[in-house]
Amino acid sequence: MDMGRESRWEKDAMSVEIAFALVTAAALAAAVFAVALTLTLVFDLSDAASKGVRTGGALAGGAVGVWRLVRVLYRFDVERRKGH
């Protein structure tokens, strides 16, 4: 009976960790894109340069978001395997 509870707790912990990873990854990606968007608004760039900066910001934001997602989940897995 204890094993069932422990398994359930582990599943719940994994669900919480996945949600945390997704939310923080999305927030970080949005922040990186917001910086790029702010740069295009602050500096009077041409349309082509503005589009390039926004595209670069979207790509960088996506990369940073994926990096955060993988990092959080990997760290959780390492800690889980250690028994913490």
C-alpha atoms as a PDB file:
ATOM      1  CA  MET A   1       0.000   0.000   0.000  1.00  0.00           C
ATOM      2  CA  ASP A   2       2.857   2.377   0.742  1.00  0.00           C
ATOM      3  CA  MET A   3       4.352   1.746  -2.676  1.00  0.00           C
ATOM      4  CA  GLY A   4       1.130   2.957  -4.300  1.00  0.00           C
ATOM      5  CA  ARG A   5       1.283   6.198  -2.400  1.00  0.00           C
ATOM      6  CA  GLU A   6       4.925   6.709  -3.164  1.00  0.00           C
ATOM      7  CA  SER A   7       4.306   6.092  -6.839  1.00  0.00           C
ATOM      8  CA  ARG A   8       1.418   8.554  -6.776  1.00  0.00           C
ATOM      9  CA  TRP A   9       3.566  11.146  -5.040  1.00  0.00           C
ATOM     10  CA  GLU A  10       6.261  10.708  -7.650  1.00  0.00           C
ATOM     11  CA  LYS A  11       3.699  11.147 -10.428  1.00  0.00           C
ATOM     12  CA  ASP A  12       2.349  14.280  -8.777  1.00  0.00           C
ATOM     13  CA  ALA A  13       5.849  15.662  -8.318  1.00  0.00           C
ATOM     14  CA  MET A  14       6.617  15.027 -11.982  1.00  0.00           C
ATOM     15  CA  SER A  15       3.384  16.748 -13.042  1.00  0.00           C
ATOM     16  CA  VAL A  16       4.200  19.795 -10.931  1.00  0.00           C
ATOM     17  CA  GLU A  17       7.751  19.882 -12.278  1.00  0.00           C
ATOM     18  CA  ILE A  18       6.553  19.676 -15.889  1.00  0.00           C
ATOM     19  CA  ALA A  19       4.080  22.505 -15.320  1.00  0.00           C
ATOM     20  CA  PHE A  20       6.787  24.592 -13.627  1.00  0.00           C
ATOM     21  CA  ALA A  21       9.207  23.932 -16.497  1.00  0.00           C
ATOM     22  CA  LEU A  22       6.631  24.887 -19.128  1.00  0.00           C
ATOM     23  CA  VAL A  23       5.537  28.075 -17.370  1.00  0.00           C
ATOM     24  CA  THR A  24       9.057  29.308 -16.651  1.00  0.00           C
ATOM     25  CA  ALA A  25      10.212  28.417 -20.170  1.00  0.00           C
ATOM     26  CA  ALA A  26       7.320  30.354 -21.698  1.00  0.00           C
ATOM     27  CA  ALA A  27       7.945  33.339 -19.413  1.00  0.00           C
ATOM     28  CA  LEU A  28      11.651  33.385 -20.218  1.00  0.00           C
ATOM     29  CA  ALA A  29      10.996  33.086 -23.959  1.00  0.00           C
ATOM     30  CA  ALA A  30       8.463  35.922 -23.768  1.00  0.00           C
ATOM     31  CA  ALA A  31      10.934  38.096 -21.851  1.00  0.00           C
ATOM     32  CA  VAL A  32      13.656  37.558 -24.454  1.00  0.00           C
ATOM     33  CA  PHE A  33      11.229  38.391 -27.262  1.00  0.00           C
ATOM     34  CA  ALA A  34      10.016  41.452 -25.332  1.00  0.00           C
ATOM     35  CA  VAL A  35      13.583  42.765 -25.188  1.00  0.00           C
ATOM     36  CA  ALA A  36      13.886  42.426 -28.965  1.00  0.00           C
ATOM     37  CA  LEU A  37      10.498  44.066 -29.466  1.00  0.00           C
ATOM     38  CA  THR A  38      11.463  46.907 -27.148  1.00  0.00           C
ATOM     39  CA  LEU A  39      14.654  47.470 -29.132  1.00  0.00           C
ATOM     40  CA  THR A  40      12.642  47.839 -32.329  1.00  0.00           C
ATOM     41  CA  LEU A  41      10.322  50.334 -30.672  1.00  0.00           C
ATOM     42  CA  VAL A  42      13.022  52.400 -28.930  1.00  0.00           C
ATOM     43  CA  PHE A  43      15.326  52.709 -31.918  1.00  0.00           C
ATOM     44  CA  ASP A  44      13.783  53.979 -35.116  1.00  0.00           C
ATOM     45  CA  LEU A  45      14.778  51.049 -37.330  1.00  0.00           C
ATOM     46  CA  SER A  46      13.818  50.497 -40.921  1.00  0.00           C
ATOM     47  CA  ASP A  47      11.122  47.923 -41.611  1.00  0.00           C
ATOM     48  CA  ALA A  48      13.629  45.302 -42.754  1.00  0.00           C
ATOM     49  CA  ALA A  49      15.894  45.819 -39.726  1.00  0.00           C
ATOM     50  CA  SER A  50      12.916  45.816 -37.383  1.00  0.00           C
ATOM     51  CA  LYS A  51      11.635  42.568 -38.867  1.00  0.00           C
ATOM     52  CA  GLY A  52      15.114  41.044 -38.573  1.00  0.00           C
ATOM     53  CA  VAL A  53      15.436  42.008 -34.913  1.00  0.00           C
ATOM     54  CA  ARG A  54      11.966  40.648 -34.128  1.00  0.00           C
ATOM     55  CA  THR A  55      12.739  37.398 -35.972  1.00  0.00           C
ATOM     56  CA  GLY A  56      16.035  37.080 -34.133  1.00  0.00           C
ATOM     57  CA  GLY A  57      14.245  37.771 -30.858  1.00  0.00           C
ATOM     58  CA  ALA A  58      11.668  35.093 -31.590  1.00  0.00           C
ATOM     59  CA  LEU A  59      14.368  32.567 -32.459  1.00  0.00           C
ATOM     60  CA  ALA A  60      16.451  33.461 -29.409  1.00  0.00           C
ATOM     61  CA  GLY A  61      13.356  33.353 -27.204  1.00  0.00           C
ATOM     62  CA  GLY A  62      12.444  29.933 -28.523  1.00  0.00           C
ATOM     63  CA  ALA A  63      15.957  28.630 -27.993  1.00  0.00           C
ATOM     64  CA  VAL A  64      16.126  30.021 -24.455  1.00  0.00           C
ATOM     65  CA  GLY A  65      12.686  28.568 -23.688  1.00  0.00           C
ATOM     66  CA  VAL A  66      13.676  25.102 -24.878  1.00  0.00           C
ATOM     67  CA  TRP A  67      16.961  25.357 -22.950  1.00  0.00           C
ATOM     68  CA  ARG A  68      15.061  26.227 -19.756  1.00  0.00           C
ATOM     69  CA  LEU A  69      12.570  23.398 -20.254  1.00  0.00           C
ATOM     70  CA  VAL A  70      15.280  20.797 -20.787  1.00  0.00           C
ATOM     71  CA  ARG A  71      17.421  22.131 -17.935  1.00  0.00           C
ATOM     72  CA  VAL A  72      14.606  22.046 -15.363  1.00  0.00           C
ATOM     73  CA  LEU A  73      13.435  18.575 -16.346  1.00  0.00           C
ATOM     74  CA  TYR A  74      16.968  17.183 -16.508  1.00  0.00           C
ATOM     75  CA  ARG A  75      17.810  18.612 -13.095  1.00  0.00           C
ATOM     76  CA  PHE A  76      14.605  17.114 -11.664  1.00  0.00           C
ATOM     77  CA  ASP A  77      15.462  13.710 -13.126  1.00  0.00           C
ATOM     78  CA  VAL A  78      18.986  13.812 -11.688  1.00  0.00           C
ATOM     79  CA  GLU A  79      17.648  14.697  -8.243  1.00  0.00           C
ATOM     80  CA  ARG A  80      14.961  12.013  -8.472  1.00  0.00           C
ATOM     81  CA  ARG A  81      17.537   9.360  -9.351  1.00  0.00           C
ATOM     82  CA  LYS A  82      19.666  10.435  -6.379  1.00  0.00           C
ATOM     83  CA  GLY A  83      16.650   9.878  -4.162  1.00  0.00           C
ATOM     84  CA  HIS A  84      16.039  13.482  -3.075  1.00  0.00           C
END
